[in-house]
Amino acid sequence: MKRELRVAHVELSLSGAYVPQARTPAESEFVSSIDRWAATVWQAVEPCLVIDTAFRIVAVSPSASELLGLGKGLDAVGQPLLGGDGSLRLIDFTAGGGDLTEQEIEKIPPLLALTSERLARGLMRVQPTGEESHLTVDAIASPLSESGRVAASLTFFSAIRY
């Protein structure tokens, strides 16, 4: 018995060499990562904010602004996170609710994420501007990098209800 071997025949034709076209950089390549995070925070439903290395507010979500008593979010931009008008007043966990020491302030998650360049989490007791009551929040902060160095921190807040 004689076997025939049949091999499929494939032809390939190239119409010309592929030369990639020069492209114009997309607009997103000109926007810093901090600006992209800020744009996201402005639209976020969750209470969150971005601060820069000078501890000034870059962006705050509407829910964070309401939760922390920062007034209108746009009014808070450029303000220091601590001290000054429209920013946070942090108090300790004693019954009297005294001001935090400098060492305690350095350990709050938004600042600690900047200085340690690591994820930071902790409880903060906040007294909104113009109010006698206080609020305890769980804060989780992450450093944000720009060109290989920490340029801001992003913090999410969750109110502790008791």
Protein backbone atom coordinates (compact mmCIF):
# COMPACT_ATOMS: atom_id res chain seq x y z
CA MET A 1 0.00 0.00 0.00
CA LYS A 2 1.36 3.29 -1.04
CA ARG A 3 0.81 6.35 1.13
CA GLU A 4 0.73 9.86 -0.14
CA LEU A 5 1.97 12.60 2.02
CA ARG A 6 0.22 15.88 1.50
CA VAL A 7 1.59 19.05 2.97
CA ALA A 8 -0.48 22.18 3.20
CA HIS A 9 0.82 25.03 1.16
CA VAL A 10 0.74 28.51 2.71
CA GLU A 11 1.78 31.67 0.97
CA LEU A 12 2.68 34.78 2.86
CA SER A 13 3.01 38.10 1.22
CA LEU A 14 4.11 41.34 2.82
CA SER A 15 2.99 44.58 1.33
CA GLY A 16 5.67 46.65 2.96
CA ALA A 17 7.60 47.09 6.15
CA TYR A 18 5.69 48.37 9.18
CA VAL A 19 7.04 51.67 10.38
CA PRO A 20 5.48 53.00 13.56
CA GLN A 21 4.19 56.54 13.29
CA ALA A 22 5.53 59.22 15.56
CA ARG A 23 2.86 60.09 18.08
CA THR A 24 2.00 63.09 20.10
CA PRO A 25 2.06 62.34 23.83
CA ALA A 26 -1.38 61.92 25.30
CA GLU A 27 -2.61 64.70 27.56
CA SER A 28 -2.46 62.33 30.55
CA GLU A 29 1.32 62.14 30.15
CA PHE A 30 1.52 65.84 31.05
CA VAL A 31 -0.69 65.55 34.14
CA SER A 32 1.13 64.71 37.36
CA SER A 33 0.07 61.67 39.34
CA ILE A 34 -0.83 63.95 42.27
CA ASP A 35 -3.19 65.93 40.01
CA ARG A 36 -4.77 62.67 38.84
CA TRP A 37 -5.26 61.53 42.44
CA ALA A 38 -6.69 64.95 43.33
CA ALA A 39 -9.18 64.74 40.46
CA THR A 40 -10.25 61.31 41.69
CA VAL A 41 -10.65 62.51 45.28
CA TRP A 42 -12.82 65.47 44.22
CA GLN A 43 -15.31 62.99 42.73
CA ALA A 44 -15.04 60.27 45.38
CA VAL A 45 -18.03 59.20 47.42
CA GLU A 46 -15.79 57.99 50.24
CA PRO A 47 -14.41 60.50 52.78
CA CYS A 48 -10.83 61.08 51.64
CA LEU A 49 -8.28 63.82 51.10
CA VAL A 50 -4.86 64.49 49.61
CA ILE A 51 -2.25 66.63 51.34
CA ASP A 52 1.14 67.72 50.01
CA THR A 53 4.54 67.63 51.71
CA ALA A 54 3.86 71.03 53.29
CA PHE A 55 0.80 69.41 54.95
CA ARG A 56 -1.57 71.59 52.89
CA ILE A 57 -4.84 70.26 51.53
CA VAL A 58 -4.66 69.53 47.80
CA ALA A 59 -8.09 67.90 47.39
CA VAL A 60 -10.93 66.77 49.63
CA SER A 61 -14.00 64.71 48.77
CA PRO A 62 -17.40 66.26 49.57
CA SER A 63 -18.09 63.57 52.20
CA ALA A 64 -14.72 64.15 53.92
CA SER A 65 -15.31 67.88 53.92
CA GLU A 66 -18.67 67.33 55.62
CA LEU A 67 -17.40 64.64 58.01
CA LEU A 68 -14.41 66.68 59.18
CA GLY A 69 -16.16 70.05 59.21
CA LEU A 70 -13.92 71.62 56.56
CA GLY A 71 -16.69 73.68 54.95
CA LYS A 72 -16.77 73.78 51.17
CA GLY A 73 -14.04 71.62 49.69
CA LEU A 74 -12.68 74.34 47.41
CA ASP A 75 -12.29 76.67 50.38
CA ALA A 76 -10.09 74.07 52.12
CA VAL A 77 -7.62 73.75 49.21
CA GLY A 78 -4.30 75.32 50.05
CA GLN A 79 -5.12 75.46 53.76
CA PRO A 80 -2.87 73.65 56.22
CA LEU A 81 -4.38 70.37 57.39
CA LEU A 82 -3.77 71.35 61.00
CA GLY A 83 -4.20 74.80 62.50
CA GLY A 84 -5.50 77.81 60.65
CA ASP A 85 -8.98 78.51 59.38
CA GLY A 86 -11.03 75.67 58.01
CA SER A 87 -8.58 72.94 58.97
CA LEU A 88 -8.65 70.15 61.53
CA ARG A 89 -8.33 70.57 65.26
CA LEU A 90 -7.12 67.32 66.69
CA ILE A 91 -7.69 66.51 70.34
CA ASP A 92 -6.44 63.71 72.55
CA PHE A 93 -8.51 60.82 73.85
CA THR A 94 -8.76 62.11 77.42
CA ALA A 95 -12.14 63.09 78.87
CA GLY A 96 -11.16 66.77 78.63
CA GLY A 97 -10.11 66.50 74.98
CA GLY A 98 -6.89 68.50 75.19
CA ASP A 99 -4.71 69.55 72.26
CA LEU A 100 -2.22 67.03 70.91
CA THR A 101 1.49 67.44 71.54
CA GLU A 102 3.89 67.95 68.64
CA GLN A 103 5.03 64.31 68.92
CA GLU A 104 1.42 63.06 68.80
CA ILE A 105 0.62 65.25 65.78
CA GLU A 106 3.57 63.77 63.86
CA LYS A 107 1.99 60.32 64.25
CA ILE A 108 -1.41 61.02 62.69
CA PRO A 109 -1.80 58.88 59.55
CA PRO A 110 -1.84 61.64 56.86
CA LEU A 111 1.44 63.11 58.17
CA LEU A 112 3.05 59.80 59.09
CA ALA A 113 2.50 58.45 55.55
CA LEU A 114 4.47 61.43 54.23
CA THR A 115 7.34 61.28 56.69
CA SER A 116 7.71 57.50 56.90
CA GLU A 117 6.96 56.93 53.20
CA ARG A 118 4.78 53.98 54.25
CA LEU A 119 1.16 53.08 54.71
CA ALA A 120 -0.15 54.45 58.03
CA ARG A 121 -3.31 53.75 60.00
CA GLY A 122 -4.70 55.05 63.26
CA LEU A 123 -7.52 56.69 65.13
CA MET A 124 -7.90 60.45 65.21
CA ARG A 125 -10.18 62.50 67.44
CA VAL A 126 -11.33 65.58 65.54
CA GLN A 127 -13.17 68.65 66.75
CA PRO A 128 -14.77 70.32 63.72
CA THR A 129 -14.36 74.09 63.51
CA GLY A 130 -17.02 75.96 65.47
CA GLU A 131 -18.42 72.86 67.18
CA GLU A 132 -18.15 71.68 70.76
CA SER A 133 -18.66 68.01 69.91
CA HIS A 134 -15.88 65.76 68.69
CA LEU A 135 -15.65 62.89 66.26
CA THR A 136 -13.39 59.84 66.19
CA VAL A 137 -12.27 58.63 62.79
CA ASP A 138 -10.26 55.66 61.60
CA ALA A 139 -7.73 56.99 59.09
CA ILE A 140 -5.75 55.00 56.54
CA ALA A 141 -3.10 56.95 54.64
CA SER A 142 -0.83 56.05 51.76
CA PRO A 143 2.12 58.03 50.42
CA LEU A 144 1.82 59.19 46.80
CA SER A 145 4.96 59.35 44.69
CA GLU A 146 5.95 61.73 41.94
CA SER A 147 9.19 61.16 40.00
CA GLY A 148 10.36 58.55 42.50
CA ARG A 149 9.84 60.54 45.69
CA VAL A 150 6.91 61.06 48.06
CA ALA A 151 5.03 64.21 47.12
CA ALA A 152 1.69 63.79 48.90
CA SER A 153 -0.46 61.43 50.93
CA LEU A 154 -3.95 60.08 50.29
CA THR A 155 -6.05 59.40 53.38
CA PHE A 156 -9.40 57.63 53.69
CA PHE A 157 -11.56 58.23 56.77
CA SER A 158 -14.26 56.20 58.44
CA ALA A 159 -16.28 57.62 61.32
CA ILE A 160 -16.32 55.52 64.48
CA ARG A 161 -19.85 55.58 65.84
CA TYR A 162 -20.36 54.68 69.48
